[in-house]
Amino acid sequence: MIPVIQVENLGKRYRIGLAPQKYQTLSENITNALSAPLRAFRRVQAPKRDALDTIWALSGVNFEVNQGQVLGIIGGTVQGKARC
């Protein structure tokens, strides 16, 4: 059977200690876009902390959903299901 959904190497990571991001105004978005090169330069010079503040909840998940099969996504109210 031909899969209608095919997922390869799916992962989900959580950053520890970071506050949830709020919606930004247009002026905040423009300011962030203009300051992005400077932030990128600072990240290159700063030591990597990704391994220290990251938890991988899923890593390397593969699956297929064939025609006629049902896929359910289970989780709490604010756990990112709407972004699937």
N, C-alpha and C. Protein backbone atom coordinates (compact mmCIF):
# COMPACT_ATOMS: atom_id res chain seq x y z
N MET A 1 0.82 -1.17 0.00
CA MET A 1 0.00 0.00 0.00
C MET A 1 0.88 1.25 0.00
N ILE A 2 0.44 2.30 -0.66
CA ILE A 2 1.21 3.54 -0.75
C ILE A 2 0.87 4.42 0.46
N PRO A 3 1.89 4.89 1.19
CA PRO A 3 1.61 5.74 2.36
C PRO A 3 1.10 7.12 1.93
N VAL A 4 0.11 7.63 2.68
CA VAL A 4 -0.38 8.99 2.44
C VAL A 4 0.34 10.00 3.33
N ILE A 5 0.94 9.50 4.42
CA ILE A 5 1.80 10.32 5.29
C ILE A 5 3.05 9.50 5.56
N GLN A 6 4.20 10.12 5.34
CA GLN A 6 5.47 9.45 5.61
C GLN A 6 6.36 10.41 6.38
N VAL A 7 6.80 9.99 7.55
CA VAL A 7 7.64 10.82 8.42
C VAL A 7 8.96 10.11 8.63
N GLU A 8 10.05 10.87 8.45
CA GLU A 8 11.39 10.31 8.65
C GLU A 8 12.20 11.24 9.53
N ASN A 9 12.87 10.65 10.50
CA ASN A 9 13.80 11.36 11.39
C ASN A 9 13.15 12.53 12.13
N LEU A 10 11.96 12.32 12.67
CA LEU A 10 11.24 13.34 13.42
C LEU A 10 11.87 13.51 14.79
N GLY A 11 11.97 14.74 15.24
CA GLY A 11 12.51 15.01 16.55
C GLY A 11 11.79 16.18 17.19
N LYS A 12 11.79 16.22 18.51
CA LYS A 12 11.21 17.33 19.27
C LYS A 12 12.12 17.60 20.45
N ARG A 13 12.58 18.85 20.55
CA ARG A 13 13.43 19.19 21.68
C ARG A 13 12.81 20.33 22.46
N TYR A 14 13.12 20.36 23.73
CA TYR A 14 12.64 21.40 24.63
C TYR A 14 13.85 22.12 25.19
N ARG A 15 13.80 23.44 25.20
CA ARG A 15 14.85 24.24 25.79
C ARG A 15 14.47 24.53 27.24
N ILE A 16 15.32 24.18 28.16
CA ILE A 16 15.07 24.33 29.59
C ILE A 16 15.33 25.79 30.01
N GLY A 17 14.42 26.32 30.81
CA GLY A 17 14.64 27.64 31.40
C GLY A 17 14.30 28.82 30.52
N LEU A 18 13.78 28.60 29.33
CA LEU A 18 13.42 29.72 28.47
C LEU A 18 11.94 30.03 28.63
N ALA A 19 11.61 31.29 28.72
CA ALA A 19 10.22 31.70 28.81
C ALA A 19 9.55 31.53 27.45
N PRO A 20 8.27 31.20 27.42
CA PRO A 20 7.57 31.10 26.14
C PRO A 20 7.60 32.44 25.41
N GLN A 21 7.73 32.38 24.10
CA GLN A 21 7.78 33.61 23.33
C GLN A 21 6.39 34.18 23.15
N LYS A 22 6.28 35.49 23.28
CA LYS A 22 5.00 36.16 23.09
C LYS A 22 4.92 36.66 21.65
N TYR A 23 3.72 37.03 21.24
CA TYR A 23 3.55 37.63 19.93
C TYR A 23 4.24 38.98 19.90
N GLN A 24 4.82 39.32 18.75
CA GLN A 24 5.56 40.57 18.64
C GLN A 24 4.84 41.55 17.72
N THR A 25 5.07 42.83 17.98
CA THR A 25 4.52 43.87 17.11
C THR A 25 5.37 43.97 15.84
N LEU A 26 4.87 44.71 14.87
CA LEU A 26 5.60 44.89 13.62
C LEU A 26 6.95 45.56 13.88
N SER A 27 6.97 46.57 14.73
CA SER A 27 8.23 47.26 15.01
C SER A 27 9.23 46.33 15.71
N GLU A 28 8.75 45.45 16.59
CA GLU A 28 9.65 44.48 17.23
C GLU A 28 10.21 43.50 16.21
N ASN A 29 9.38 43.05 15.27
CA ASN A 29 9.86 42.15 14.22
C ASN A 29 10.91 42.81 13.35
N ILE A 30 10.70 44.07 12.99
CA ILE A 30 11.67 44.79 12.16
C ILE A 30 12.98 44.96 12.92
N THR A 31 12.89 45.35 14.19
CA THR A 31 14.09 45.52 15.02
C THR A 31 14.86 44.20 15.13
N ASN A 32 14.14 43.10 15.37
CA ASN A 32 14.80 41.80 15.46
C ASN A 32 15.46 41.40 14.15
N ALA A 33 14.81 41.68 13.03
CA ALA A 33 15.38 41.33 11.73
C ALA A 33 16.66 42.13 11.47
N LEU A 34 16.66 43.41 11.83
CA LEU A 34 17.85 44.25 11.60
C LEU A 34 19.00 43.90 12.54
N SER A 35 18.70 43.39 13.72
CA SER A 35 19.76 43.05 14.67
C SER A 35 20.19 41.58 14.56
N ALA A 36 19.57 40.81 13.68
CA ALA A 36 19.90 39.39 13.54
C ALA A 36 21.37 39.13 13.21
N PRO A 37 21.99 39.89 12.28
CA PRO A 37 23.42 39.61 12.00
C PRO A 37 24.31 39.76 13.23
N LEU A 38 24.04 40.76 14.06
CA LEU A 38 24.84 40.95 15.27
C LEU A 38 24.64 39.79 16.25
N ARG A 39 23.39 39.34 16.41
CA ARG A 39 23.12 38.20 17.29
C ARG A 39 23.81 36.94 16.78
N ALA A 40 23.81 36.74 15.47
CA ALA A 40 24.46 35.57 14.89
C ALA A 40 25.97 35.62 15.16
N PHE A 41 26.56 36.80 15.04
CA PHE A 41 27.99 36.97 15.30
C PHE A 41 28.32 36.66 16.75
N ARG A 42 27.46 37.12 17.68
CA ARG A 42 27.68 36.83 19.10
C ARG A 42 27.55 35.35 19.40
N ARG A 43 26.60 34.66 18.72
CA ARG A 43 26.44 33.22 18.95
C ARG A 43 27.66 32.44 18.50
N VAL A 44 28.31 32.88 17.42
CA VAL A 44 29.50 32.20 16.93
C VAL A 44 30.61 32.29 17.95
N GLN A 45 30.73 33.43 18.61
CA GLN A 45 31.80 33.63 19.58
C GLN A 45 31.50 33.02 20.95
N ALA A 46 30.23 32.84 21.28
CA ALA A 46 29.86 32.33 22.60
C ALA A 46 30.01 30.81 22.65
N PRO A 47 30.33 30.26 23.81
CA PRO A 47 30.41 28.80 23.92
C PRO A 47 29.03 28.17 23.73
N LYS A 48 29.02 26.98 23.16
CA LYS A 48 27.76 26.30 22.91
C LYS A 48 27.16 25.79 24.21
N ARG A 49 25.88 26.13 24.44
CA ARG A 49 25.18 25.66 25.63
C ARG A 49 24.03 24.74 25.26
N ASP A 50 23.88 24.44 23.99
CA ASP A 50 22.72 23.69 23.52
C ASP A 50 22.56 22.37 24.27
N ALA A 51 23.65 21.66 24.48
CA ALA A 51 23.56 20.36 25.14
C ALA A 51 23.19 20.50 26.61
N LEU A 52 23.51 21.63 27.20
CA LEU A 52 23.24 21.82 28.63
C LEU A 52 21.79 22.18 28.92
N ASP A 53 21.13 22.87 27.99
CA ASP A 53 19.78 23.35 28.27
C ASP A 53 18.73 22.76 27.33
N THR A 54 19.03 21.61 26.74
CA THR A 54 18.10 20.99 25.79
C THR A 54 17.79 19.55 26.22
N ILE A 55 16.50 19.22 26.15
CA ILE A 55 16.06 17.84 26.36
C ILE A 55 15.36 17.38 25.09
N TRP A 56 15.80 16.27 24.54
CA TRP A 56 15.16 15.70 23.36
C TRP A 56 14.07 14.73 23.82
N ALA A 57 12.80 15.09 23.58
CA ALA A 57 11.69 14.23 23.92
C ALA A 57 11.52 13.13 22.88
N LEU A 58 11.78 13.46 21.62
CA LEU A 58 11.75 12.50 20.51
C LEU A 58 12.98 12.71 19.66
N SER A 59 13.51 11.62 19.12
CA SER A 59 14.65 11.74 18.23
C SER A 59 14.68 10.54 17.29
N GLY A 60 14.74 10.82 16.00
CA GLY A 60 14.86 9.76 15.01
C GLY A 60 13.62 8.89 14.85
N VAL A 61 12.44 9.49 14.98
CA VAL A 61 11.18 8.73 14.87
C VAL A 61 10.78 8.65 13.39
N ASN A 62 10.44 7.44 12.94
CA ASN A 62 9.99 7.21 11.57
C ASN A 62 8.66 6.46 11.60
N PHE A 63 7.72 6.86 10.74
CA PHE A 63 6.48 6.10 10.61
C PHE A 63 5.78 6.45 9.30
N GLU A 64 4.86 5.58 8.91
CA GLU A 64 4.04 5.79 7.72
C GLU A 64 2.58 5.55 8.09
N VAL A 65 1.69 6.32 7.45
CA VAL A 65 0.25 6.11 7.61
C VAL A 65 -0.28 5.81 6.22
N ASN A 66 -0.85 4.62 6.05
CA ASN A 66 -1.39 4.21 4.76
C ASN A 66 -2.85 4.64 4.63
N GLN A 67 -3.33 4.66 3.41
CA GLN A 67 -4.71 5.03 3.15
C GLN A 67 -5.64 4.12 3.95
N GLY A 68 -6.61 4.72 4.63
CA GLY A 68 -7.55 3.96 5.44
C GLY A 68 -7.15 3.81 6.89
N GLN A 69 -5.89 4.08 7.22
CA GLN A 69 -5.44 4.02 8.61
C GLN A 69 -5.75 5.34 9.31
N VAL A 70 -5.78 5.32 10.64
CA VAL A 70 -6.07 6.49 11.44
C VAL A 70 -4.84 6.83 12.27
N LEU A 71 -4.53 8.12 12.34
CA LEU A 71 -3.42 8.60 13.15
C LEU A 71 -3.97 9.52 14.22
N GLY A 72 -3.67 9.26 15.48
CA GLY A 72 -4.11 10.11 16.58
C GLY A 72 -2.92 10.75 17.25
N ILE A 73 -3.05 12.04 17.57
CA ILE A 73 -2.00 12.77 18.27
C ILE A 73 -2.54 13.13 19.64
N ILE A 74 -1.89 12.62 20.69
CA ILE A 74 -2.39 12.76 22.05
C ILE A 74 -1.45 13.67 22.83
N GLY A 75 -2.04 14.54 23.64
CA GLY A 75 -1.24 15.40 24.48
C GLY A 75 -2.10 16.43 25.16
N GLY A 76 -1.48 17.19 26.06
CA GLY A 76 -2.21 18.23 26.77
C GLY A 76 -2.56 19.40 25.87
N THR A 77 -3.22 20.37 26.45
CA THR A 77 -3.76 21.49 25.69
C THR A 77 -2.68 22.30 24.96
N VAL A 78 -1.57 22.58 25.61
CA VAL A 78 -0.57 23.46 25.01
C VAL A 78 0.73 22.71 24.71
N GLN A 79 0.64 21.57 24.11
CA GLN A 79 1.85 20.80 23.84
C GLN A 79 2.21 20.73 22.37
N GLY A 80 1.75 21.69 21.55
CA GLY A 80 2.22 21.81 20.19
C GLY A 80 1.51 20.95 19.16
N LYS A 81 0.39 20.36 19.50
CA LYS A 81 -0.30 19.50 18.52
C LYS A 81 -0.83 20.29 17.34
N ALA A 82 -1.19 21.55 17.54
CA ALA A 82 -1.74 22.35 16.46
C ALA A 82 -0.70 22.65 15.39
N ARG A 83 0.57 22.49 15.71
CA ARG A 83 1.64 22.76 14.75
C ARG A 83 1.99 21.56 13.90
N CYS A 84 1.32 20.45 14.13
CA CYS A 84 1.60 19.21 13.39
C CYS A 84 1.07 19.30 11.98
